[in-house]
N, C-alpha and C. Protein backbone atom coordinates (compact mmCIF):
# COMPACT_ATOMS: atom_id res chain seq x y z
N UNK A 1 -25.86 -16.74 12.10
CA UNK A 1 -25.42 -15.96 10.95
C UNK A 1 -24.76 -16.93 9.96
N UNK A 2 -25.21 -16.90 8.71
CA UNK A 2 -24.62 -17.80 7.72
C UNK A 2 -23.35 -17.19 7.10
N UNK A 3 -22.69 -17.96 6.28
CA UNK A 3 -21.40 -17.56 5.70
C UNK A 3 -21.53 -16.28 4.87
N UNK A 4 -22.56 -16.18 4.06
CA UNK A 4 -22.72 -15.00 3.21
C UNK A 4 -23.05 -13.76 4.04
N UNK A 5 -23.81 -13.91 5.10
CA UNK A 5 -24.08 -12.77 5.99
C UNK A 5 -22.79 -12.30 6.66
N UNK A 6 -21.94 -13.25 7.05
CA UNK A 6 -20.65 -12.88 7.65
C UNK A 6 -19.78 -12.15 6.63
N UNK A 7 -19.83 -12.58 5.38
CA UNK A 7 -19.05 -11.92 4.33
C UNK A 7 -19.57 -10.50 4.09
N UNK A 8 -20.87 -10.30 4.09
CA UNK A 8 -21.43 -8.96 3.92
C UNK A 8 -21.00 -8.06 5.07
N UNK A 9 -20.97 -8.61 6.27
CA UNK A 9 -20.53 -7.83 7.44
C UNK A 9 -19.05 -7.46 7.29
N UNK A 10 -18.22 -8.41 6.86
CA UNK A 10 -16.79 -8.16 6.68
C UNK A 10 -16.55 -7.07 5.63
N UNK A 11 -17.38 -7.06 4.59
CA UNK A 11 -17.22 -6.10 3.49
C UNK A 11 -17.93 -4.78 3.75
N UNK A 12 -18.64 -4.67 4.87
CA UNK A 12 -19.39 -3.45 5.21
C UNK A 12 -20.38 -3.10 4.10
N UNK A 13 -21.12 -4.10 3.62
CA UNK A 13 -22.04 -3.84 2.52
C UNK A 13 -23.42 -4.40 2.81
N UNK A 14 -24.38 -3.86 2.09
CA UNK A 14 -25.74 -4.35 2.18
C UNK A 14 -25.89 -5.59 1.30
N UNK A 15 -27.01 -6.25 1.43
CA UNK A 15 -27.26 -7.42 0.58
C UNK A 15 -27.32 -7.01 -0.89
N UNK A 16 -27.92 -5.85 -1.18
CA UNK A 16 -27.99 -5.37 -2.56
C UNK A 16 -26.59 -5.10 -3.12
N UNK A 17 -25.73 -4.47 -2.32
CA UNK A 17 -24.35 -4.21 -2.77
C UNK A 17 -23.60 -5.51 -2.98
N UNK A 18 -23.79 -6.47 -2.09
CA UNK A 18 -23.14 -7.77 -2.22
C UNK A 18 -23.58 -8.47 -3.50
N UNK A 19 -24.89 -8.51 -3.73
CA UNK A 19 -25.41 -9.17 -4.93
C UNK A 19 -24.94 -8.47 -6.20
N UNK A 20 -24.88 -7.13 -6.15
CA UNK A 20 -24.37 -6.38 -7.30
C UNK A 20 -22.91 -6.75 -7.56
N UNK A 21 -22.11 -6.77 -6.52
CA UNK A 21 -20.69 -7.11 -6.68
C UNK A 21 -20.54 -8.51 -7.25
N UNK A 22 -21.29 -9.44 -6.73
CA UNK A 22 -21.19 -10.82 -7.19
C UNK A 22 -21.64 -10.98 -8.64
N UNK A 23 -22.47 -10.06 -9.12
CA UNK A 23 -22.93 -10.14 -10.51
C UNK A 23 -21.91 -9.60 -11.51
N UNK A 24 -20.86 -8.95 -11.02
CA UNK A 24 -19.86 -8.37 -11.91
C UNK A 24 -18.96 -9.46 -12.51
N UNK A 25 -18.56 -9.30 -13.78
CA UNK A 25 -17.82 -10.37 -14.46
C UNK A 25 -16.44 -10.68 -13.87
N UNK A 26 -15.80 -9.75 -13.20
CA UNK A 26 -14.46 -9.98 -12.67
C UNK A 26 -14.46 -10.38 -11.20
N UNK A 27 -15.64 -10.61 -10.64
CA UNK A 27 -15.77 -10.95 -9.23
C UNK A 27 -16.13 -12.43 -9.09
N UNK A 28 -15.52 -13.07 -8.10
CA UNK A 28 -15.83 -14.47 -7.82
C UNK A 28 -15.76 -14.71 -6.31
N UNK A 29 -16.28 -15.83 -5.88
CA UNK A 29 -16.15 -16.26 -4.49
C UNK A 29 -14.99 -17.22 -4.40
N UNK A 30 -14.07 -16.99 -3.45
CA UNK A 30 -12.96 -17.93 -3.29
C UNK A 30 -13.41 -19.08 -2.38
N UNK A 31 -12.49 -19.98 -2.08
CA UNK A 31 -12.88 -21.17 -1.31
C UNK A 31 -13.31 -20.86 0.12
N UNK A 32 -12.94 -19.68 0.64
CA UNK A 32 -13.39 -19.27 1.98
C UNK A 32 -14.69 -18.48 1.90
N UNK A 33 -15.29 -18.41 0.72
CA UNK A 33 -16.51 -17.65 0.46
C UNK A 33 -16.30 -16.15 0.65
N UNK A 34 -15.10 -15.68 0.33
CA UNK A 34 -14.82 -14.25 0.33
C UNK A 34 -14.86 -13.78 -1.11
N UNK A 35 -15.39 -12.59 -1.33
CA UNK A 35 -15.41 -12.04 -2.68
C UNK A 35 -14.00 -11.68 -3.11
N UNK A 36 -13.66 -12.03 -4.33
CA UNK A 36 -12.34 -11.73 -4.90
C UNK A 36 -12.54 -11.04 -6.24
N UNK A 37 -11.54 -10.24 -6.63
CA UNK A 37 -11.61 -9.48 -7.87
C UNK A 37 -10.40 -9.82 -8.73
N UNK A 38 -10.63 -10.08 -10.00
CA UNK A 38 -9.56 -10.43 -10.94
C UNK A 38 -8.98 -9.15 -11.54
N UNK A 39 -7.83 -8.72 -11.05
CA UNK A 39 -7.16 -7.53 -11.57
C UNK A 39 -6.36 -7.84 -12.83
N UNK A 40 -5.84 -9.04 -12.92
CA UNK A 40 -4.96 -9.44 -14.01
C UNK A 40 -5.22 -10.90 -14.36
N UNK A 41 -5.11 -11.22 -15.64
CA UNK A 41 -5.31 -12.62 -16.04
C UNK A 41 -4.12 -13.48 -15.63
N UNK A 42 -3.00 -12.85 -15.29
CA UNK A 42 -1.79 -13.58 -14.94
C UNK A 42 -1.70 -13.96 -13.47
N UNK A 43 -2.39 -13.24 -12.63
CA UNK A 43 -2.27 -13.42 -11.18
C UNK A 43 -3.56 -13.95 -10.57
N UNK A 44 -3.44 -14.46 -9.37
CA UNK A 44 -4.62 -14.88 -8.61
C UNK A 44 -5.48 -13.65 -8.31
N UNK A 45 -6.79 -13.82 -8.19
CA UNK A 45 -7.63 -12.68 -7.83
C UNK A 45 -7.31 -12.18 -6.43
N UNK A 46 -7.52 -10.88 -6.20
CA UNK A 46 -7.27 -10.30 -4.88
C UNK A 46 -8.58 -10.27 -4.10
N UNK A 47 -8.46 -10.47 -2.80
CA UNK A 47 -9.64 -10.47 -1.95
C UNK A 47 -10.14 -9.04 -1.77
N UNK A 48 -11.43 -8.86 -1.91
CA UNK A 48 -12.03 -7.56 -1.67
C UNK A 48 -12.10 -7.32 -0.16
N UNK A 49 -11.78 -6.09 0.25
CA UNK A 49 -11.80 -5.73 1.67
C UNK A 49 -13.05 -4.95 2.05
N UNK A 50 -13.60 -4.19 1.10
CA UNK A 50 -14.82 -3.42 1.34
C UNK A 50 -15.54 -3.20 0.02
N UNK A 51 -16.85 -3.41 0.04
CA UNK A 51 -17.69 -3.22 -1.14
C UNK A 51 -18.85 -2.33 -0.70
N UNK A 52 -18.52 -1.13 -0.25
CA UNK A 52 -19.54 -0.24 0.29
C UNK A 52 -19.95 0.84 -0.71
N UNK A 53 -19.76 0.57 -2.00
CA UNK A 53 -20.07 1.52 -3.06
C UNK A 53 -20.50 0.71 -4.28
N UNK A 54 -21.39 1.24 -5.09
CA UNK A 54 -21.80 0.54 -6.30
C UNK A 54 -20.78 0.70 -7.43
N UNK A 55 -19.83 1.59 -7.26
CA UNK A 55 -18.78 1.78 -8.26
C UNK A 55 -17.62 0.83 -7.95
N UNK A 56 -17.38 -0.18 -8.79
CA UNK A 56 -16.29 -1.13 -8.52
C UNK A 56 -14.92 -0.47 -8.37
N UNK A 57 -14.72 0.70 -8.96
CA UNK A 57 -13.43 1.37 -8.84
C UNK A 57 -13.20 1.89 -7.42
N UNK A 58 -14.25 1.96 -6.61
CA UNK A 58 -14.14 2.41 -5.22
C UNK A 58 -14.02 1.25 -4.23
N UNK A 59 -14.13 0.03 -4.70
CA UNK A 59 -14.00 -1.12 -3.82
C UNK A 59 -12.58 -1.22 -3.30
N UNK A 60 -12.43 -1.57 -2.05
CA UNK A 60 -11.11 -1.62 -1.42
C UNK A 60 -10.50 -3.02 -1.50
N UNK A 61 -9.19 -3.02 -1.78
CA UNK A 61 -8.42 -4.26 -1.87
C UNK A 61 -7.08 -4.06 -1.18
N UNK A 62 -6.36 -5.13 -1.03
CA UNK A 62 -4.97 -5.08 -0.57
C UNK A 62 -4.12 -5.16 -1.83
N UNK A 63 -3.22 -4.20 -2.03
CA UNK A 63 -2.38 -4.18 -3.22
C UNK A 63 -1.60 -5.50 -3.31
N UNK A 64 -1.64 -6.17 -4.46
CA UNK A 64 -0.93 -7.44 -4.57
C UNK A 64 0.59 -7.32 -4.56
N UNK A 65 1.12 -6.11 -4.76
CA UNK A 65 2.57 -5.94 -4.79
C UNK A 65 3.13 -5.47 -3.45
N UNK A 66 2.49 -4.46 -2.84
CA UNK A 66 3.05 -3.92 -1.59
C UNK A 66 2.21 -4.20 -0.35
N UNK A 67 0.97 -4.62 -0.55
CA UNK A 67 0.12 -4.94 0.59
C UNK A 67 -0.65 -3.78 1.18
N UNK A 68 -0.50 -2.58 0.63
CA UNK A 68 -1.23 -1.42 1.14
C UNK A 68 -2.71 -1.52 0.80
N UNK A 69 -3.53 -0.96 1.66
CA UNK A 69 -4.97 -0.90 1.38
C UNK A 69 -5.19 0.20 0.35
N UNK A 70 -5.90 -0.12 -0.72
CA UNK A 70 -6.15 0.84 -1.80
C UNK A 70 -7.48 0.51 -2.45
N UNK A 71 -7.89 1.31 -3.41
CA UNK A 71 -9.09 1.00 -4.17
C UNK A 71 -8.69 0.44 -5.53
N UNK A 72 -9.59 -0.29 -6.15
CA UNK A 72 -9.32 -0.85 -7.47
C UNK A 72 -8.98 0.27 -8.45
N UNK A 73 -9.67 1.40 -8.34
CA UNK A 73 -9.43 2.53 -9.24
C UNK A 73 -8.08 3.20 -9.07
N UNK A 74 -7.41 2.93 -7.96
CA UNK A 74 -6.08 3.52 -7.71
C UNK A 74 -4.97 2.51 -7.94
N UNK A 75 -5.21 1.53 -8.80
CA UNK A 75 -4.16 0.57 -9.15
C UNK A 75 -3.67 0.85 -10.56
N UNK A 76 -2.45 0.40 -10.84
CA UNK A 76 -1.82 0.59 -12.14
C UNK A 76 -1.22 -0.75 -12.56
N UNK A 77 -1.22 -1.00 -13.87
CA UNK A 77 -0.69 -2.26 -14.37
C UNK A 77 0.40 -2.01 -15.40
N UNK A 78 1.43 -2.84 -15.34
CA UNK A 78 2.47 -2.85 -16.36
C UNK A 78 2.84 -4.31 -16.61
N UNK A 79 2.72 -4.73 -17.84
CA UNK A 79 3.06 -6.11 -18.24
C UNK A 79 2.34 -7.17 -17.40
N UNK A 80 1.12 -6.89 -17.00
CA UNK A 80 0.34 -7.84 -16.20
C UNK A 80 0.58 -7.76 -14.71
N UNK A 81 1.54 -6.94 -14.27
CA UNK A 81 1.84 -6.76 -12.84
C UNK A 81 1.07 -5.55 -12.33
N UNK A 82 0.46 -5.67 -11.16
CA UNK A 82 -0.40 -4.62 -10.62
C UNK A 82 0.21 -4.03 -9.36
N UNK A 83 0.21 -2.69 -9.28
CA UNK A 83 0.66 -1.96 -8.10
C UNK A 83 -0.29 -0.82 -7.80
N UNK A 84 0.04 -0.03 -6.79
CA UNK A 84 -0.82 1.09 -6.38
C UNK A 84 0.03 2.36 -6.21
N UNK A 85 -0.61 3.41 -5.74
CA UNK A 85 0.08 4.69 -5.52
C UNK A 85 1.28 4.56 -4.60
N UNK A 86 1.24 3.61 -3.67
CA UNK A 86 2.32 3.46 -2.68
C UNK A 86 3.56 2.79 -3.25
N UNK A 87 3.41 2.02 -4.34
CA UNK A 87 4.54 1.23 -4.81
C UNK A 87 4.82 1.34 -6.31
N UNK A 88 4.01 2.03 -7.07
CA UNK A 88 4.15 2.02 -8.52
C UNK A 88 5.15 3.05 -9.03
N UNK A 89 4.96 4.31 -8.65
CA UNK A 89 5.76 5.40 -9.21
C UNK A 89 6.98 5.78 -8.38
N UNK A 90 7.13 5.23 -7.20
CA UNK A 90 8.24 5.60 -6.31
C UNK A 90 9.55 5.02 -6.83
N UNK A 91 10.70 5.63 -6.46
CA UNK A 91 11.99 5.06 -6.87
C UNK A 91 12.11 3.61 -6.39
N UNK A 92 12.49 2.73 -7.28
CA UNK A 92 12.60 1.31 -6.96
C UNK A 92 11.26 0.59 -6.95
N UNK A 93 10.21 1.31 -7.37
CA UNK A 93 8.87 0.74 -7.37
C UNK A 93 8.61 -0.16 -8.57
N UNK A 94 7.38 -0.53 -8.73
CA UNK A 94 6.99 -1.51 -9.75
C UNK A 94 7.31 -1.04 -11.16
N UNK A 95 6.98 0.19 -11.50
CA UNK A 95 7.24 0.70 -12.85
C UNK A 95 8.73 0.64 -13.17
N UNK A 96 9.54 1.18 -12.30
CA UNK A 96 10.99 1.22 -12.51
C UNK A 96 11.58 -0.20 -12.55
N UNK A 97 11.13 -1.06 -11.67
CA UNK A 97 11.65 -2.43 -11.61
C UNK A 97 11.32 -3.20 -12.89
N UNK A 98 10.08 -3.13 -13.33
CA UNK A 98 9.67 -3.86 -14.54
C UNK A 98 10.42 -3.34 -15.76
N UNK A 99 10.54 -2.03 -15.90
CA UNK A 99 11.25 -1.48 -17.06
C UNK A 99 12.72 -1.87 -17.05
N UNK A 100 13.34 -1.85 -15.88
CA UNK A 100 14.75 -2.23 -15.77
C UNK A 100 14.96 -3.70 -16.10
N UNK A 101 14.13 -4.56 -15.54
CA UNK A 101 14.27 -6.00 -15.80
C UNK A 101 13.97 -6.33 -17.26
N UNK A 102 13.01 -5.66 -17.84
CA UNK A 102 12.67 -5.94 -19.24
C UNK A 102 13.85 -5.61 -20.15
N UNK A 103 14.58 -4.55 -19.82
CA UNK A 103 15.73 -4.13 -20.64
C UNK A 103 17.00 -4.91 -20.31
N UNK A 104 17.24 -5.18 -19.02
CA UNK A 104 18.54 -5.70 -18.59
C UNK A 104 18.58 -7.16 -18.14
N UNK A 105 17.43 -7.73 -17.82
CA UNK A 105 17.41 -9.12 -17.35
C UNK A 105 16.07 -9.74 -17.74
N UNK A 106 15.91 -9.95 -19.03
CA UNK A 106 14.62 -10.39 -19.57
C UNK A 106 14.14 -11.71 -18.95
N UNK A 107 15.06 -12.60 -18.67
CA UNK A 107 14.69 -13.90 -18.09
C UNK A 107 14.01 -13.71 -16.73
N UNK A 108 14.56 -12.86 -15.89
CA UNK A 108 13.95 -12.58 -14.58
C UNK A 108 12.63 -11.83 -14.74
N UNK A 109 12.57 -10.96 -15.72
CA UNK A 109 11.33 -10.22 -16.01
C UNK A 109 10.21 -11.20 -16.33
N UNK A 110 10.49 -12.18 -17.17
CA UNK A 110 9.49 -13.17 -17.57
C UNK A 110 9.09 -14.06 -16.40
N UNK A 111 10.05 -14.47 -15.58
CA UNK A 111 9.75 -15.33 -14.43
C UNK A 111 8.84 -14.63 -13.42
N UNK A 112 9.06 -13.33 -13.22
CA UNK A 112 8.24 -12.56 -12.30
C UNK A 112 8.52 -12.79 -10.83
N UNK A 113 9.67 -13.36 -10.49
CA UNK A 113 9.97 -13.63 -9.08
C UNK A 113 9.99 -12.36 -8.25
N UNK A 114 10.43 -11.26 -8.83
CA UNK A 114 10.46 -9.98 -8.10
C UNK A 114 9.06 -9.62 -7.62
N UNK A 115 8.05 -9.92 -8.41
CA UNK A 115 6.67 -9.58 -8.07
C UNK A 115 6.16 -10.46 -6.94
N UNK A 116 6.50 -11.72 -7.00
CA UNK A 116 6.07 -12.65 -5.95
C UNK A 116 6.69 -12.29 -4.60
N UNK A 117 7.91 -11.74 -4.63
CA UNK A 117 8.58 -11.32 -3.39
C UNK A 117 7.95 -10.07 -2.80
N UNK A 118 7.31 -9.26 -3.63
CA UNK A 118 6.65 -8.04 -3.17
C UNK A 118 7.58 -6.85 -3.14
N UNK A 119 7.02 -5.72 -2.79
CA UNK A 119 7.74 -4.44 -2.78
C UNK A 119 8.51 -4.29 -1.48
N UNK A 120 9.76 -3.90 -1.61
CA UNK A 120 10.60 -3.64 -0.43
C UNK A 120 11.07 -2.21 -0.49
N UNK A 121 10.66 -1.45 0.49
CA UNK A 121 11.09 -0.05 0.53
C UNK A 121 11.83 0.21 1.81
């Protein structure tokens, strides 16, 4: 089994689905030959976990903020930071944190260290 066949197996997709995904402008192969998706121009692309649908919004990823498994279509962005249903709207979540830092601690907001540390609930 070659590397691309192993990647198709990991993504639970057919060769046609894999080729379609790879043809999309926001999709790339990372150094491990895993498909990745560019959610934000500010952050590294996220690794795709499943590409079992032709609709990119249904492709599964690991949320870059909280680590939950979600679909691309269920992500939200604020100021270039991306979260999902599990971490975006909840108290102390991404939306509240970004708005608070933007108003009260602009330097930390710009650095983005809170995002690199991830969501803590």
